[in-house]
Each structure stands twice: as structure tokens, then as C-alpha cells.
Amino acid sequence: MNHLLFLNLGTGEVIIIALIVLLLFGGKKIPELMKGVGKGVKSFKEGMNDIESDIKKDINKDDKQDIIK
């Protein structure tokens, strides 16, 4: 069973989708599209890392306040 993520797409479906995207956008637009997707993923990861570091700072701050009391 070859599934892609949670969409339950097999290899055949992924190939068909890729061909449709190629036909719709053409070969020259796909690199630009993928570059935009890559930037979006990078931005999302940075945002998640920022949130995680903020949470860790708050936890450490609370722990230090508990020690002082």
C-alpha cells in the first residue's frame, strides 16, 4: 500500500495530478510555483520555531519564579 500523507493517494493518482499540473501551468511556470511553495514552507517552519522558543522561554521564566518563591 503506497499512500501519500493523509489523502490516501496512490502512486498512480500522484502521477496523474502531476501531469495535470504540468499541462495547466506549463514547464516554465512550475519552477516558479515550487519556489513559492518552498518559501511558504520555510516561513511556516520559522514561525513554528519562533512559537516553540517563546513557549520554552515562558516555561523557563515560570520555573525561575517558582524557585524564587
C-alpha atoms as a PDB file:
ATOM      1  CA  MET A   1       0.000   0.000   0.000  1.00  0.00           C
ATOM      2  CA  ASN A   2       1.586   3.174  -1.183  1.00  0.00           C
ATOM      3  CA  HIS A   3      -0.220   6.207   0.285  1.00  0.00           C
ATOM      4  CA  LEU A   4       0.741   9.851   0.225  1.00  0.00           C
ATOM      5  CA  LEU A   5       0.155  11.614   3.537  1.00  0.00           C
ATOM      6  CA  PHE A   6      -3.445  11.584   4.776  1.00  0.00           C
ATOM      7  CA  LEU A   7      -5.027  11.982   1.351  1.00  0.00           C
ATOM      8  CA  ASN A   8      -4.860   8.245   0.601  1.00  0.00           C
ATOM      9  CA  LEU A   9      -3.403   8.936  -2.824  1.00  0.00           C
ATOM     10  CA  GLY A  10      -1.558   6.149  -4.548  1.00  0.00           C
ATOM     11  CA  THR A  11       1.338   6.486  -6.950  1.00  0.00           C
ATOM     12  CA  GLY A  12      -0.941   6.448  -9.994  1.00  0.00           C
ATOM     13  CA  GLU A  13      -3.058   9.307  -8.690  1.00  0.00           C
ATOM     14  CA  VAL A  14       0.017  11.379  -7.864  1.00  0.00           C
ATOM     15  CA  ILE A  15       1.373  10.889 -11.396  1.00  0.00           C
ATOM     16  CA  ILE A  16      -1.968  11.908 -12.927  1.00  0.00           C
ATOM     17  CA  ILE A  17      -2.121  15.031 -10.741  1.00  0.00           C
ATOM     18  CA  ALA A  18       1.473  15.914 -11.693  1.00  0.00           C
ATOM     19  CA  LEU A  19       0.626  15.586 -15.401  1.00  0.00           C
ATOM     20  CA  ILE A  20      -2.459  17.788 -14.999  1.00  0.00           C
ATOM     21  CA  VAL A  21      -0.386  20.438 -13.189  1.00  0.00           C
ATOM     22  CA  LEU A  22       2.210  20.258 -15.959  1.00  0.00           C
ATOM     23  CA  LEU A  23      -0.468  20.760 -18.593  1.00  0.00           C
ATOM     24  CA  LEU A  24      -2.134  23.638 -16.736  1.00  0.00           C
ATOM     25  CA  PHE A  25       0.945  25.624 -15.770  1.00  0.00           C
ATOM     26  CA  GLY A  26       3.464  24.583 -18.405  1.00  0.00           C
ATOM     27  CA  GLY A  27       7.074  23.636 -17.854  1.00  0.00           C
ATOM     28  CA  LYS A  28       8.318  27.200 -17.352  1.00  0.00           C
ATOM     29  CA  LYS A  29       5.907  28.152 -14.565  1.00  0.00           C
ATOM     30  CA  ILE A  30       6.409  25.052 -12.414  1.00  0.00           C
ATOM     31  CA  PRO A  31       9.846  26.077 -11.027  1.00  0.00           C
ATOM     32  CA  GLU A  32       8.393  29.447 -10.012  1.00  0.00           C
ATOM     33  CA  LEU A  33       5.425  27.709  -8.398  1.00  0.00           C
ATOM     34  CA  MET A  34       7.676  25.313  -6.475  1.00  0.00           C
ATOM     35  CA  LYS A  35       9.909  28.207  -5.379  1.00  0.00           C
ATOM     36  CA  GLY A  36       6.856  29.936  -3.924  1.00  0.00           C
ATOM     37  CA  VAL A  37       5.770  26.752  -2.163  1.00  0.00           C
ATOM     38  CA  GLY A  38       9.289  26.333  -0.754  1.00  0.00           C
ATOM     39  CA  LYS A  39       9.296  29.879   0.597  1.00  0.00           C
ATOM     40  CA  GLY A  40       5.905  29.290   2.186  1.00  0.00           C
ATOM     41  CA  VAL A  41       7.080  26.093   3.886  1.00  0.00           C
ATOM     42  CA  LYS A  42      10.248  27.822   5.110  1.00  0.00           C
ATOM     43  CA  SER A  43       8.209  30.701   6.530  1.00  0.00           C
ATOM     44  CA  PHE A  44       5.841  28.268   8.251  1.00  0.00           C
ATOM     45  CA  LYS A  45       8.748  26.369   9.834  1.00  0.00           C
ATOM     46  CA  GLU A  46      10.327  29.615  11.055  1.00  0.00           C
ATOM     47  CA  GLY A  47       7.018  30.658  12.588  1.00  0.00           C
ATOM     48  CA  MET A  48       6.663  27.305  14.342  1.00  0.00           C
ATOM     49  CA  ASN A  49      10.224  27.559  15.688  1.00  0.00           C
ATOM     50  CA  ASP A  50       9.528  31.081  16.974  1.00  0.00           C
ATOM     51  CA  ILE A  51       6.391  29.918  18.761  1.00  0.00           C
ATOM     52  CA  GLU A  52       8.250  26.952  20.254  1.00  0.00           C
ATOM     53  CA  SER A  53      11.059  29.178  21.531  1.00  0.00           C
ATOM     54  CA  ASP A  54       8.527  31.626  23.036  1.00  0.00           C
ATOM     55  CA  ILE A  55       6.806  28.774  24.863  1.00  0.00           C
ATOM     56  CA  LYS A  56      10.135  27.485  26.191  1.00  0.00           C
ATOM     57  CA  LYS A  57      11.065  30.988  27.389  1.00  0.00           C
ATOM     58  CA  ASP A  58       7.736  31.304  29.211  1.00  0.00           C
ATOM     59  CA  ILE A  59       8.186  27.888  30.841  1.00  0.00           C
ATOM     60  CA  ASN A  60      11.719  28.759  31.954  1.00  0.00           C
ATOM     61  CA  LYS A  61      10.508  32.128  33.267  1.00  0.00           C
ATOM     62  CA  ASP A  62       7.753  30.435  35.285  1.00  0.00           C
ATOM     63  CA  ASP A  63      10.212  27.857  36.661  1.00  0.00           C
ATOM     64  CA  LYS A  64      12.601  30.610  37.788  1.00  0.00           C
ATOM     65  CA  GLN A  65       9.735  32.468  39.509  1.00  0.00           C
ATOM     66  CA  ASP A  66       8.717  29.278  41.337  1.00  0.00           C
ATOM     67  CA  ILE A  67      12.295  28.823  42.593  1.00  0.00           C
ATOM     68  CA  ILE A  68      12.427  32.412  43.868  1.00  0.00           C
ATOM     69  CA  LYS A  69       9.194  31.997  45.869  1.00  0.00           C
END
